[in-house]
C-alpha atoms as a PDB file:
ATOM      1  CA  UNK A   1      69.271 128.369 237.709  1.00  0.00           C
ATOM      2  CA  UNK A   2      72.855 128.030 236.491  1.00  0.00           C
ATOM      3  CA  UNK A   3      73.650 129.387 233.026  1.00  0.00           C
ATOM      4  CA  UNK A   4      76.468 128.393 230.615  1.00  0.00           C
ATOM      5  CA  UNK A   5      79.380 130.555 229.707  1.00  0.00           C
ATOM      6  CA  UNK A   6      78.437 133.553 227.544  1.00  0.00           C
ATOM      7  CA  UNK A   7      79.248 133.330 223.840  1.00  0.00           C
ATOM      8  CA  UNK A   8      82.193 135.614 222.995  1.00  0.00           C
ATOM      9  CA  UNK A   9      81.152 138.549 220.834  1.00  0.00           C
ATOM     10  CA  UNK A  10      82.616 138.514 217.309  1.00  0.00           C
ATOM     11  CA  UNK A  11      82.849 141.766 215.352  1.00  0.00           C
ATOM     12  CA  UNK A  12      84.315 142.019 211.831  1.00  0.00           C
ATOM     13  CA  UNK A  13      85.847 144.961 210.086  1.00  0.00           C
ATOM     14  CA  UNK A  14      84.710 145.682 206.501  1.00  0.00           C
ATOM     15  CA  UNK A  15      88.054 144.434 205.149  1.00  0.00           C
ATOM     16  CA  UNK A  16      87.873 141.204 207.158  1.00  0.00           C
ATOM     17  CA  UNK A  17      84.310 140.583 206.043  1.00  0.00           C
ATOM     18  CA  UNK A  18      85.187 140.990 202.358  1.00  0.00           C
ATOM     19  CA  UNK A  19      88.227 138.748 202.726  1.00  0.00           C
ATOM     20  CA  UNK A  20      86.192 136.001 204.406  1.00  0.00           C
ATOM     21  CA  UNK A  21      83.527 136.156 201.681  1.00  0.00           C
ATOM     22  CA  UNK A  22      86.190 135.965 198.980  1.00  0.00           C
ATOM     23  CA  UNK A  23      87.918 132.991 200.596  1.00  0.00           C
ATOM     24  CA  UNK A  24      84.595 131.210 201.132  1.00  0.00           C
ATOM     25  CA  UNK A  25      83.567 131.354 197.468  1.00  0.00           C
ATOM     26  CA  UNK A  26      86.956 131.182 195.714  1.00  0.00           C
ATOM     27  CA  UNK A  27      87.163 127.874 193.729  1.00  0.00           C
ATOM     28  CA  UNK A  28      90.822 127.334 194.646  1.00  0.00           C
ATOM     29  CA  UNK A  29      90.290 127.701 198.410  1.00  0.00           C
ATOM     30  CA  UNK A  30      90.678 124.522 200.440  1.00  0.00           C
ATOM     31  CA  UNK A  31      87.300 123.191 201.588  1.00  0.00           C
ATOM     32  CA  UNK A  32      88.403 123.321 205.223  1.00  0.00           C
ATOM     33  CA  UNK A  33      89.351 127.010 204.948  1.00  0.00           C
ATOM     34  CA  UNK A  34      86.077 127.843 203.162  1.00  0.00           C
ATOM     35  CA  UNK A  35      84.081 126.192 205.983  1.00  0.00           C
ATOM     36  CA  UNK A  36      85.991 128.160 208.643  1.00  0.00           C
ATOM     37  CA  UNK A  37      85.210 131.391 206.806  1.00  0.00           C
ATOM     38  CA  UNK A  38      81.501 130.522 206.717  1.00  0.00           C
ATOM     39  CA  UNK A  39      81.586 129.744 210.449  1.00  0.00           C
ATOM     40  CA  UNK A  40      83.017 133.182 211.251  1.00  0.00           C
ATOM     41  CA  UNK A  41      80.527 134.937 208.944  1.00  0.00           C
ATOM     42  CA  UNK A  42      77.615 133.095 210.576  1.00  0.00           C
ATOM     43  CA  UNK A  43      78.940 133.948 214.036  1.00  0.00           C
ATOM     44  CA  UNK A  44      78.826 137.623 213.115  1.00  0.00           C
ATOM     45  CA  UNK A  45      75.126 137.270 212.262  1.00  0.00           C
ATOM     46  CA  UNK A  46      74.541 136.451 215.909  1.00  0.00           C
ATOM     47  CA  UNK A  47      73.341 133.547 217.972  1.00  0.00           C
ATOM     48  CA  UNK A  48      75.029 130.973 220.133  1.00  0.00           C
ATOM     49  CA  UNK A  49      77.458 128.335 218.966  1.00  0.00           C
ATOM     50  CA  UNK A  50      74.561 125.882 218.919  1.00  0.00           C
ATOM     51  CA  UNK A  51      72.567 128.192 216.623  1.00  0.00           C
ATOM     52  CA  UNK A  52      75.498 128.535 214.193  1.00  0.00           C
ATOM     53  CA  UNK A  53      76.175 124.784 214.291  1.00  0.00           C
ATOM     54  CA  UNK A  54      72.551 124.045 213.384  1.00  0.00           C
ATOM     55  CA  UNK A  55      72.590 126.526 210.501  1.00  0.00           C
ATOM     56  CA  UNK A  56      75.759 124.992 209.025  1.00  0.00           C
ATOM     57  CA  UNK A  57      75.094 121.369 209.924  1.00  0.00           C
ATOM     58  CA  UNK A  58      78.259 120.938 211.992  1.00  0.00           C
ATOM     59  CA  UNK A  59      79.105 120.373 215.653  1.00  0.00           C
ATOM     60  CA  UNK A  60      78.953 123.010 218.374  1.00  0.00           C
ATOM     61  CA  UNK A  61      82.537 122.247 219.395  1.00  0.00           C
ATOM     62  CA  UNK A  62      83.791 123.039 215.869  1.00  0.00           C
ATOM     63  CA  UNK A  63      81.996 126.388 215.876  1.00  0.00           C
ATOM     64  CA  UNK A  64      83.376 127.307 219.297  1.00  0.00           C
ATOM     65  CA  UNK A  65      86.939 126.409 218.363  1.00  0.00           C
ATOM     66  CA  UNK A  66      87.041 128.534 215.208  1.00  0.00           C
ATOM     67  CA  UNK A  67      85.129 131.430 216.813  1.00  0.00           C
ATOM     68  CA  UNK A  68      87.761 131.626 219.558  1.00  0.00           C
ATOM     69  CA  UNK A  69      90.658 131.146 217.119  1.00  0.00           C
ATOM     70  CA  UNK A  70      89.416 134.060 215.018  1.00  0.00           C
ATOM     71  CA  UNK A  71      88.784 136.335 218.024  1.00  0.00           C
ATOM     72  CA  UNK A  72      92.350 135.814 219.278  1.00  0.00           C
ATOM     73  CA  UNK A  73      94.298 135.592 215.978  1.00  0.00           C
ATOM     74  CA  UNK A  74      91.891 137.105 213.429  1.00  0.00           C
ATOM     75  CA  UNK A  75      92.351 135.949 209.797  1.00  0.00           C
ATOM     76  CA  UNK A  76      95.694 134.268 210.499  1.00  0.00           C
ATOM     77  CA  UNK A  77      93.980 131.947 212.957  1.00  0.00           C
ATOM     78  CA  UNK A  78      91.925 130.285 210.224  1.00  0.00           C
ATOM     79  CA  UNK A  79      94.950 128.713 208.565  1.00  0.00           C
ATOM     80  CA  UNK A  80      96.355 125.356 209.644  1.00  0.00           C
ATOM     81  CA  UNK A  81      99.217 125.577 212.083  1.00  0.00           C
ATOM     82  CA  UNK A  82     102.453 123.661 211.384  1.00  0.00           C
ATOM     83  CA  UNK A  83     102.045 120.055 212.402  1.00  0.00           C
ATOM     84  CA  UNK A  84     104.458 118.625 214.962  1.00  0.00           C
ATOM     85  CA  UNK A  85     107.007 116.115 213.747  1.00  0.00           C
ATOM     86  CA  UNK A  86     110.607 115.080 213.797  1.00  0.00           C
ATOM     87  CA  UNK A  87     113.111 117.724 212.675  1.00  0.00           C
ATOM     88  CA  UNK A  88     114.639 117.423 209.213  1.00  0.00           C
ATOM     89  CA  UNK A  89     117.641 115.127 209.025  1.00  0.00           C
ATOM     90  CA  UNK A  90     118.521 116.152 205.442  1.00  0.00           C
ATOM     91  CA  UNK A  91     119.421 119.804 205.025  1.00  0.00           C
ATOM     92  CA  UNK A  92     119.376 122.034 201.985  1.00  0.00           C
ATOM     93  CA  UNK A  93     123.097 121.496 201.465  1.00  0.00           C
ATOM     94  CA  UNK A  94     122.552 117.733 201.304  1.00  0.00           C
ATOM     95  CA  UNK A  95     119.760 118.156 198.768  1.00  0.00           C
ATOM     96  CA  UNK A  96     121.945 120.447 196.677  1.00  0.00           C
ATOM     97  CA  UNK A  97     124.793 117.918 196.779  1.00  0.00           C
ATOM     98  CA  UNK A  98     122.579 115.146 195.399  1.00  0.00           C
ATOM     99  CA  UNK A  99     121.171 117.344 192.633  1.00  0.00           C
ATOM    100  CA  UNK A 100     124.558 118.705 191.556  1.00  0.00           C
ATOM    101  CA  UNK A 101     126.187 115.273 191.480  1.00  0.00           C
ATOM    102  CA  UNK A 102     123.228 113.844 189.572  1.00  0.00           C
ATOM    103  CA  UNK A 103     123.382 116.559 186.911  1.00  0.00           C
ATOM    104  CA  UNK A 104     127.121 117.111 186.610  1.00  0.00           C
ATOM    105  CA  UNK A 105     128.871 113.857 187.507  1.00  0.00           C
ATOM    106  CA  UNK A 106     128.708 110.145 186.784  1.00  0.00           C
ATOM    107  CA  UNK A 107     129.810 107.170 188.889  1.00  0.00           C
ATOM    108  CA  UNK A 108     133.160 105.593 188.024  1.00  0.00           C
ATOM    109  CA  UNK A 109     131.634 102.221 187.148  1.00  0.00           C
ATOM    110  CA  UNK A 110     128.445 103.251 185.314  1.00  0.00           C
ATOM    111  CA  UNK A 111     127.055 105.700 182.802  1.00  0.00           C
ATOM    112  CA  UNK A 112     124.369 106.948 185.214  1.00  0.00           C
ATOM    113  CA  UNK A 113     123.474 107.043 188.892  1.00  0.00           C
ATOM    114  CA  UNK A 114     121.169 104.650 190.709  1.00  0.00           C
ATOM    115  CA  UNK A 115     119.649 105.365 194.112  1.00  0.00           C
ATOM    116  CA  UNK A 116     122.072 102.900 195.697  1.00  0.00           C
ATOM    117  CA  UNK A 117     125.204 104.269 194.022  1.00  0.00           C
ATOM    118  CA  UNK A 118     124.203 107.857 194.864  1.00  0.00           C
ATOM    119  CA  UNK A 119     123.402 106.842 198.442  1.00  0.00           C
ATOM    120  CA  UNK A 120     126.834 105.250 198.787  1.00  0.00           C
ATOM    121  CA  UNK A 121     128.550 108.323 197.340  1.00  0.00           C
ATOM    122  CA  UNK A 122     126.699 110.818 199.566  1.00  0.00           C
ATOM    123  CA  UNK A 123     126.207 108.811 202.767  1.00  0.00           C
ATOM    124  CA  UNK A 124     122.402 109.010 202.572  1.00  0.00           C
ATOM    125  CA  UNK A 125     119.847 106.231 202.334  1.00  0.00           C
ATOM    126  CA  UNK A 126     118.561 105.097 198.925  1.00  0.00           C
ATOM    127  CA  UNK A 127     115.018 106.108 199.924  1.00  0.00           C
ATOM    128  CA  UNK A 128     116.198 109.645 200.707  1.00  0.00           C
ATOM    129  CA  UNK A 129     117.925 109.917 197.329  1.00  0.00           C
ATOM    130  CA  UNK A 130     114.757 108.640 195.664  1.00  0.00           C
ATOM    131  CA  UNK A 131     112.629 111.284 197.392  1.00  0.00           C
ATOM    132  CA  UNK A 132     114.991 114.065 196.338  1.00  0.00           C
ATOM    133  CA  UNK A 133     114.971 112.868 192.731  1.00  0.00           C
ATOM    134  CA  UNK A 134     111.181 112.664 192.683  1.00  0.00           C
ATOM    135  CA  UNK A 135     110.848 116.145 194.188  1.00  0.00           C
ATOM    136  CA  UNK A 136     113.015 117.645 191.429  1.00  0.00           C
ATOM    137  CA  UNK A 137     111.826 115.410 188.572  1.00  0.00           C
ATOM    138  CA  UNK A 138     115.197 113.689 188.061  1.00  0.00           C
ATOM    139  CA  UNK A 139     115.207 110.232 186.419  1.00  0.00           C
ATOM    140  CA  UNK A 140     118.813 109.170 185.736  1.00  0.00           C
ATOM    141  CA  UNK A 141     117.746 105.655 184.703  1.00  0.00           C
ATOM    142  CA  UNK A 142     115.751 106.966 181.730  1.00  0.00           C
ATOM    143  CA  UNK A 143     117.132 108.132 178.393  1.00  0.00           C
ATOM    144  CA  UNK A 144     115.151 109.655 175.559  1.00  0.00           C
ATOM    145  CA  UNK A 145     116.142 110.120 171.942  1.00  0.00           C
ATOM    146  CA  UNK A 146     115.663 112.954 169.496  1.00  0.00           C
ATOM    147  CA  UNK A 147     116.517 113.743 165.902  1.00  0.00           C
ATOM    148  CA  UNK A 148     116.690 117.249 164.500  1.00  0.00           C
ATOM    149  CA  UNK A 149     115.930 117.657 160.831  1.00  0.00           C
ATOM    150  CA  UNK A 150     118.836 118.954 158.721  1.00  0.00           C
ATOM    151  CA  UNK A 151     116.431 119.814 155.877  1.00  0.00           C
ATOM    152  CA  UNK A 152     117.338 123.303 154.539  1.00  0.00           C
ATOM    153  CA  UNK A 153     113.650 123.819 153.664  1.00  0.00           C
ATOM    154  CA  UNK A 154     112.372 122.689 157.044  1.00  0.00           C
ATOM    155  CA  UNK A 155     110.456 125.888 157.863  1.00  0.00           C
ATOM    156  CA  UNK A 156     108.852 126.119 154.412  1.00  0.00           C
ATOM    157  CA  UNK A 157     107.768 122.465 154.510  1.00  0.00           C
ATOM    158  CA  UNK A 158     106.334 122.774 158.015  1.00  0.00           C
ATOM    159  CA  UNK A 159     104.251 125.786 157.002  1.00  0.00           C
ATOM    160  CA  UNK A 160     103.143 124.070 153.793  1.00  0.00           C
ATOM    161  CA  UNK A 161     101.956 120.837 155.428  1.00  0.00           C
ATOM    162  CA  UNK A 162     100.409 122.424 158.523  1.00  0.00           C
ATOM    163  CA  UNK A 163      98.600 124.821 156.204  1.00  0.00           C
ATOM    164  CA  UNK A 164      97.059 121.835 154.399  1.00  0.00           C
ATOM    165  CA  UNK A 165      95.882 120.373 157.720  1.00  0.00           C
ATOM    166  CA  UNK A 166      94.465 123.543 159.267  1.00  0.00           C
ATOM    167  CA  UNK A 167      93.222 125.302 156.120  1.00  0.00           C
ATOM    168  CA  UNK A 168      92.744 122.767 153.307  1.00  0.00           C
ATOM    169  CA  UNK A 169      92.162 124.184 149.816  1.00  0.00           C
ATOM    170  CA  UNK A 170      88.633 124.218 148.441  1.00  0.00           C
ATOM    171  CA  UNK A 171      87.681 121.693 145.797  1.00  0.00           C
ATOM    172  CA  UNK A 172      90.526 119.406 146.813  1.00  0.00           C
ATOM    173  CA  UNK A 173      91.219 116.295 148.862  1.00  0.00           C
ATOM    174  CA  UNK A 174      94.169 116.143 151.283  1.00  0.00           C
ATOM    175  CA  UNK A 175      95.598 112.639 151.654  1.00  0.00           C
ATOM    176  CA  UNK A 176      98.413 111.501 153.940  1.00  0.00           C
ATOM    177  CA  UNK A 177     100.216 108.640 152.201  1.00  0.00           C
ATOM    178  CA  UNK A 178     102.872 106.244 153.431  1.00  0.00           C
ATOM    179  CA  UNK A 179     103.723 102.570 153.466  1.00  0.00           C
ATOM    180  CA  UNK A 180     104.140 100.242 156.422  1.00  0.00           C
ATOM    181  CA  UNK A 181     106.740  97.873 155.049  1.00  0.00           C
ATOM    182  CA  UNK A 182     107.866  94.430 156.127  1.00  0.00           C
ATOM    183  CA  UNK A 183     104.876  93.555 158.311  1.00  0.00           C
ATOM    184  CA  UNK A 184     105.724  90.102 159.612  1.00  0.00           C
ATOM    185  CA  UNK A 185     103.334  87.178 159.834  1.00  0.00           C
ATOM    186  CA  UNK A 186     104.316  85.847 163.255  1.00  0.00           C
ATOM    187  CA  UNK A 187     103.077  82.851 165.205  1.00  0.00           C
ATOM    188  CA  UNK A 188     104.081  82.020 168.765  1.00  0.00           C
ATOM    189  CA  UNK A 189     106.032  78.818 169.346  1.00  0.00           C
ATOM    190  CA  UNK A 190     103.387  77.650 171.851  1.00  0.00           C
ATOM    191  CA  UNK A 191      99.665  78.351 172.291  1.00  0.00           C
ATOM    192  CA  UNK A 192      98.766  81.661 173.954  1.00  0.00           C
ATOM    193  CA  UNK A 193      97.395  81.229 177.481  1.00  0.00           C
ATOM    194  CA  UNK A 194      94.173  83.238 177.842  1.00  0.00           C
ATOM    195  CA  UNK A 195      93.359  85.935 180.376  1.00  0.00           C
ATOM    196  CA  UNK A 196      92.388  84.647 183.818  1.00  0.00           C
ATOM    197  CA  UNK A 197      91.381  86.379 187.083  1.00  0.00           C
ATOM    198  CA  UNK A 198      94.647  87.528 188.616  1.00  0.00           C
ATOM    199  CA  UNK A 199      96.697  86.537 185.528  1.00  0.00           C
ATOM    200  CA  UNK A 200      97.279  88.452 182.290  1.00  0.00           C
ATOM    201  CA  UNK A 201      97.229  86.841 178.877  1.00  0.00           C
ATOM    202  CA  UNK A 202     100.569  85.065 178.441  1.00  0.00           C
ATOM    203  CA  UNK A 203     102.582  84.267 175.328  1.00  0.00           C
ATOM    204  CA  UNK A 204     106.035  82.839 174.678  1.00  0.00           C
ATOM    205  CA  UNK A 205     108.794  85.320 173.970  1.00  0.00           C
ATOM    206  CA  UNK A 206     109.905  83.452 170.824  1.00  0.00           C
ATOM    207  CA  UNK A 207     107.957  83.164 167.595  1.00  0.00           C
ATOM    208  CA  UNK A 208     107.937  81.624 164.127  1.00  0.00           C
ATOM    209  CA  UNK A 209     108.161  83.780 160.989  1.00  0.00           C
ATOM    210  CA  UNK A 210     105.868  83.080 158.050  1.00  0.00           C
ATOM    211  CA  UNK A 211     106.751  85.853 155.589  1.00  0.00           C
ATOM    212  CA  UNK A 212     106.066  89.557 155.250  1.00  0.00           C
ATOM    213  CA  UNK A 213     103.739  91.935 153.460  1.00  0.00           C
ATOM    214  CA  UNK A 214     103.662  95.688 152.771  1.00  0.00           C
ATOM    215  CA  UNK A 215     100.732  98.008 153.380  1.00  0.00           C
ATOM    216  CA  UNK A 216     100.199 101.237 151.442  1.00  0.00           C
ATOM    217  CA  UNK A 217      97.671 103.629 152.990  1.00  0.00           C
ATOM    218  CA  UNK A 218      96.204 107.012 152.048  1.00  0.00           C
ATOM    219  CA  UNK A 219      94.368 108.689 154.939  1.00  0.00           C
ATOM    220  CA  UNK A 220      91.736 111.315 154.099  1.00  0.00           C
ATOM    221  CA  UNK A 221      92.490 114.105 156.573  1.00  0.00           C
ATOM    222  CA  UNK A 222      88.906 115.389 156.534  1.00  0.00           C
ATOM    223  CA  UNK A 223      86.955 112.137 156.988  1.00  0.00           C
ATOM    224  CA  UNK A 224      89.500 109.671 158.394  1.00  0.00           C
ATOM    225  CA  UNK A 225      88.741 107.064 155.701  1.00  0.00           C
ATOM    226  CA  UNK A 226      91.672 105.203 154.208  1.00  0.00           C
ATOM    227  CA  UNK A 227      92.498 103.844 150.776  1.00  0.00           C
ATOM    228  CA  UNK A 228      94.825 100.849 151.085  1.00  0.00           C
ATOM    229  CA  UNK A 229      96.729  98.295 149.081  1.00  0.00           C
ATOM    230  CA  UNK A 230      98.717  95.239 150.206  1.00  0.00           C
ATOM    231  CA  UNK A 231     101.775  94.322 148.132  1.00  0.00           C
ATOM    232  CA  UNK A 232     104.501  91.701 148.120  1.00  0.00           C
ATOM    233  CA  UNK A 233     107.258  94.206 147.464  1.00  0.00           C
ATOM    234  CA  UNK A 234     108.088  97.823 148.265  1.00  0.00           C
ATOM    235  CA  UNK A 235     109.318  99.655 145.156  1.00  0.00           C
ATOM    236  CA  UNK A 236     108.482 102.633 142.983  1.00  0.00           C
ATOM    237  CA  UNK A 237     106.409 100.273 140.817  1.00  0.00           C
ATOM    238  CA  UNK A 238     104.133  99.485 143.775  1.00  0.00           C
ATOM    239  CA  UNK A 239     103.921 103.156 144.729  1.00  0.00           C
ATOM    240  CA  UNK A 240     102.879 104.088 141.187  1.00  0.00           C
ATOM    241  CA  UNK A 241     100.252 101.354 141.273  1.00  0.00           C
ATOM    242  CA  UNK A 242      98.953 102.769 144.536  1.00  0.00           C
ATOM    243  CA  UNK A 243      98.759 106.263 143.015  1.00  0.00           C
ATOM    244  CA  UNK A 244      96.655 104.775 140.226  1.00  0.00           C
ATOM    245  CA  UNK A 245      94.361 103.260 142.860  1.00  0.00           C
ATOM    246  CA  UNK A 246      93.993 106.667 144.523  1.00  0.00           C
ATOM    247  CA  UNK A 247      93.301 108.253 141.148  1.00  0.00           C
ATOM    248  CA  UNK A 248      90.478 105.781 140.482  1.00  0.00           C
ATOM    249  CA  UNK A 249      89.049 106.205 143.994  1.00  0.00           C
ATOM    250  CA  UNK A 250      88.918 110.018 144.112  1.00  0.00           C
ATOM    251  CA  UNK A 251      86.249 111.852 142.090  1.00  0.00           C
ATOM    252  CA  UNK A 252      87.721 113.385 138.931  1.00  0.00           C
ATOM    253  CA  UNK A 253      86.560 116.923 139.757  1.00  0.00           C
ATOM    254  CA  UNK A 254      88.773 117.120 142.885  1.00  0.00           C
ATOM    255  CA  UNK A 255      92.421 118.096 143.066  1.00  0.00           C
ATOM    256  CA  UNK A 256      94.535 115.752 145.209  1.00  0.00           C
ATOM    257  CA  UNK A 257      97.167 116.994 147.655  1.00  0.00           C
ATOM    258  CA  UNK A 258      99.339 114.115 148.848  1.00  0.00           C
ATOM    259  CA  UNK A 259     101.558 114.375 151.956  1.00  0.00           C
ATOM    260  CA  UNK A 260     104.457 111.888 151.707  1.00  0.00           C
ATOM    261  CA  UNK A 261     107.890 111.372 153.224  1.00  0.00           C
ATOM    262  CA  UNK A 262     111.239 111.517 151.462  1.00  0.00           C
ATOM    263  CA  UNK A 263     111.540 107.833 150.549  1.00  0.00           C
ATOM    264  CA  UNK A 264     113.500 107.277 147.348  1.00  0.00           C
ATOM    265  CA  UNK A 265     110.562 105.310 145.898  1.00  0.00           C
ATOM    266  CA  UNK A 266     108.528 108.547 145.899  1.00  0.00           C
ATOM    267  CA  UNK A 267     111.020 110.508 143.785  1.00  0.00           C
ATOM    268  CA  UNK A 268     112.037 108.258 140.913  1.00  0.00           C
ATOM    269  CA  UNK A 269     111.793 109.421 137.247  1.00  0.00           C
ATOM    270  CA  UNK A 270     108.917 106.988 136.814  1.00  0.00           C
ATOM    271  CA  UNK A 271     106.932 108.800 139.532  1.00  0.00           C
ATOM    272  CA  UNK A 272     107.809 112.195 138.049  1.00  0.00           C
ATOM    273  CA  UNK A 273     106.441 111.079 134.675  1.00  0.00           C
ATOM    274  CA  UNK A 274     103.280 109.789 136.323  1.00  0.00           C
ATOM    275  CA  UNK A 275     102.721 113.152 138.035  1.00  0.00           C
ATOM    276  CA  UNK A 276     103.131 114.972 134.736  1.00  0.00           C
ATOM    277  CA  UNK A 277     100.382 112.800 133.256  1.00  0.00           C
ATOM    278  CA  UNK A 278      98.117 113.500 136.262  1.00  0.00           C
ATOM    279  CA  UNK A 279      98.342 117.258 136.911  1.00  0.00           C
ATOM    280  CA  UNK A 280      95.619 117.246 139.563  1.00  0.00           C
ATOM    281  CA  UNK A 281      98.039 115.446 141.913  1.00  0.00           C
ATOM    282  CA  UNK A 282     100.326 117.621 144.075  1.00  0.00           C
ATOM    283  CA  UNK A 283     102.970 115.985 146.288  1.00  0.00           C
ATOM    284  CA  UNK A 284     104.003 117.691 149.540  1.00  0.00           C
ATOM    285  CA  UNK A 285     107.125 116.211 151.116  1.00  0.00           C
ATOM    286  CA  UNK A 286     107.600 116.214 154.884  1.00  0.00           C
ATOM    287  CA  UNK A 287     110.958 117.551 156.137  1.00  0.00           C
ATOM    288  CA  UNK A 288     113.778 115.038 156.435  1.00  0.00           C
ATOM    289  CA  UNK A 289     113.477 112.911 159.631  1.00  0.00           C
ATOM    290  CA  UNK A 290     110.027 114.384 160.298  1.00  0.00           C
ATOM    291  CA  UNK A 291     107.614 111.541 159.604  1.00  0.00           C
ATOM    292  CA  UNK A 292     105.688 112.685 162.714  1.00  0.00           C
ATOM    293  CA  UNK A 293     104.160 115.351 160.466  1.00  0.00           C
ATOM    294  CA  UNK A 294     102.427 112.706 158.355  1.00  0.00           C
ATOM    295  CA  UNK A 295      99.095 111.953 160.068  1.00  0.00           C
ATOM    296  CA  UNK A 296      98.856 108.510 158.494  1.00  0.00           C
ATOM    297  CA  UNK A 297     101.625 107.449 160.909  1.00  0.00           C
ATOM    298  CA  UNK A 298      99.083 107.893 163.703  1.00  0.00           C
ATOM    299  CA  UNK A 299      96.739 105.549 161.867  1.00  0.00           C
ATOM    300  CA  UNK A 300      99.532 102.988 161.476  1.00  0.00           C
ATOM    301  CA  UNK A 301     100.065 103.206 165.243  1.00  0.00           C
ATOM    302  CA  UNK A 302      96.386 102.363 165.804  1.00  0.00           C
ATOM    303  CA  UNK A 303      96.687  99.354 163.519  1.00  0.00           C
ATOM    304  CA  UNK A 304      99.830  98.126 165.269  1.00  0.00           C
ATOM    305  CA  UNK A 305      98.623  98.642 168.832  1.00  0.00           C
ATOM    306  CA  UNK A 306      95.082  97.325 168.428  1.00  0.00           C
ATOM    307  CA  UNK A 307      95.558  94.564 165.878  1.00  0.00           C
ATOM    308  CA  UNK A 308      99.075  93.510 164.924  1.00  0.00           C
ATOM    309  CA  UNK A 309     101.189  93.536 168.085  1.00  0.00           C
ATOM    310  CA  UNK A 310      99.332  90.722 169.841  1.00  0.00           C
ATOM    311  CA  UNK A 311      98.049  88.995 166.734  1.00  0.00           C
ATOM    312  CA  UNK A 312      99.236  85.580 165.516  1.00  0.00           C
ATOM    313  CA  UNK A 313      99.312  84.606 161.825  1.00  0.00           C
ATOM    314  CA  UNK A 314     100.557  81.417 160.205  1.00  0.00           C
ATOM    315  CA  UNK A 315     100.921  82.794 156.663  1.00  0.00           C
ATOM    316  CA  UNK A 316     101.079  86.088 154.797  1.00  0.00           C
ATOM    317  CA  UNK A 317      97.653  85.314 153.336  1.00  0.00           C
ATOM    318  CA  UNK A 318      96.218  85.008 156.832  1.00  0.00           C
ATOM    319  CA  UNK A 319      97.999  88.225 157.879  1.00  0.00           C
ATOM    320  CA  UNK A 320      96.684  90.177 154.883  1.00  0.00           C
ATOM    321  CA  UNK A 321      93.170  88.875 155.481  1.00  0.00           C
ATOM    322  CA  UNK A 322      93.346  90.032 159.115  1.00  0.00           C
ATOM    323  CA  UNK A 323      94.663  93.478 158.117  1.00  0.00           C
ATOM    324  CA  UNK A 324      91.891  93.888 155.539  1.00  0.00           C
ATOM    325  CA  UNK A 325      89.225  93.000 158.125  1.00  0.00           C
ATOM    326  CA  UNK A 326      90.556  95.693 160.464  1.00  0.00           C
ATOM    327  CA  UNK A 327      90.635  98.244 157.610  1.00  0.00           C
ATOM    328  CA  UNK A 328      87.028  97.420 156.648  1.00  0.00           C
ATOM    329  CA  UNK A 329      85.975  97.880 160.277  1.00  0.00           C
ATOM    330  CA  UNK A 330      87.792 101.226 160.434  1.00  0.00           C
ATOM    331  CA  UNK A 331      86.242 102.523 157.205  1.00  0.00           C
ATOM    332  CA  UNK A 332      82.783 101.539 158.418  1.00  0.00           C
ATOM    333  CA  UNK A 333      83.179 104.094 161.225  1.00  0.00           C
ATOM    334  CA  UNK A 334      86.190 106.317 160.359  1.00  0.00           C
ATOM    335  CA  UNK A 335      87.573 108.835 162.853  1.00  0.00           C
ATOM    336  CA  UNK A 336      89.726 111.713 161.605  1.00  0.00           C
ATOM    337  CA  UNK A 337      92.841 112.700 163.529  1.00  0.00           C
ATOM    338  CA  UNK A 338      92.685 116.403 164.352  1.00  0.00           C
ATOM    339  CA  UNK A 339      95.845 118.490 163.959  1.00  0.00           C
ATOM    340  CA  UNK A 340      95.984 121.200 166.655  1.00  0.00           C
ATOM    341  CA  UNK A 341      99.397 122.901 166.497  1.00  0.00           C
ATOM    342  CA  UNK A 342      99.997 125.840 164.191  1.00  0.00           C
ATOM    343  CA  UNK A 343     103.260 126.162 162.278  1.00  0.00           C
ATOM    344  CA  UNK A 344     104.352 129.029 164.532  1.00  0.00           C
ATOM    345  CA  UNK A 345     103.744 126.947 167.679  1.00  0.00           C
ATOM    346  CA  UNK A 346     105.788 124.060 166.266  1.00  0.00           C
ATOM    347  CA  UNK A 347     108.678 126.290 165.221  1.00  0.00           C
ATOM    348  CA  UNK A 348     108.661 128.186 168.545  1.00  0.00           C
ATOM    349  CA  UNK A 349     108.740 124.917 170.500  1.00  0.00           C
ATOM    350  CA  UNK A 350     111.605 123.617 168.368  1.00  0.00           C
ATOM    351  CA  UNK A 351     113.535 126.872 168.797  1.00  0.00           C
ATOM    352  CA  UNK A 352     113.109 126.671 172.558  1.00  0.00           C
ATOM    353  CA  UNK A 353     114.296 123.059 172.614  1.00  0.00           C
ATOM    354  CA  UNK A 354     117.361 123.911 170.513  1.00  0.00           C
ATOM    355  CA  UNK A 355     118.168 126.739 172.900  1.00  0.00           C
ATOM    356  CA  UNK A 356     118.007 124.381 175.875  1.00  0.00           C
ATOM    357  CA  UNK A 357     120.306 121.768 174.350  1.00  0.00           C
ATOM    358  CA  UNK A 358     122.748 124.210 172.710  1.00  0.00           C
ATOM    359  CA  UNK A 359     124.732 124.525 175.951  1.00  0.00           C
ATOM    360  CA  UNK A 360     124.744 120.828 176.855  1.00  0.00           C
ATOM    361  CA  UNK A 361     128.458 120.542 176.025  1.00  0.00           C
ATOM    362  CA  UNK A 362     127.993 117.494 173.765  1.00  0.00           C
END
């Protein structure tokens, strides 16, 4: 009776066995490599290719291929071989040329490069330029903005405010206060077309103005609840009135730490006199041009994105009524915004950014 070809014997050294076990169980190993390692380990246990295939739930041909690859090439044989394909048509020098010109030059007729203008300048195709830019994270069509604070007390103010967020004082309430001024009551010039399958909601680009209102808000850092007031105007008088509202809303046995920006309406003699009459109030000013440190700005962003940006209102009364409904809904289920960065992390990141831009030549 004819018999099949004998199964090649597979013997592992101790080092190979440990390496295969490590590769098979390492979380970062590719699944294909881990399976090949298990195949080789099972082959060492003995049995034919059919026996190993049944134990692992794979085909006999797969077992035979990787058994033979390992016997002839050992561990190196388990890795994928380079796939055949056309040779590169763009060399390293070409890639370097595109990157250098992108970073150090500008076209004669534009402030920045496009894929077509760079392709014309280098003799490559626009798709090739696009692939090089994507590989190196270059986006000449985008521009971002930044503003560094010139506040001489920047470091002290950062540490003060971050300290309030991360380690609030006992027996006190920390409130982030600001005003969202000139909220416009806008109505589209034509009815909004509703959402349809395959079509987004559509609205005209032009609109009709029906007045403005101003929203004062005090966000409780601990609970996320807000104290608010809607006013016709935006002056120190309205800010003082809002402080009185906070004073009536906060239990008398608690000190109040208020984080505010550097608006002139927060620093008038009238406000100074009010603070003297209410010693439990302590104002903490954010650094100049650093409103991002006031958490209530994040709450204003929620209001704008979820309620105002796509809303339509035919009067300031209708606008104020809509804003108050959203505030009531928020306060029924408030969600605090958690501050994660320490003062040292913020200052280190800023120092690193300043170091990167210090040699920009601008």
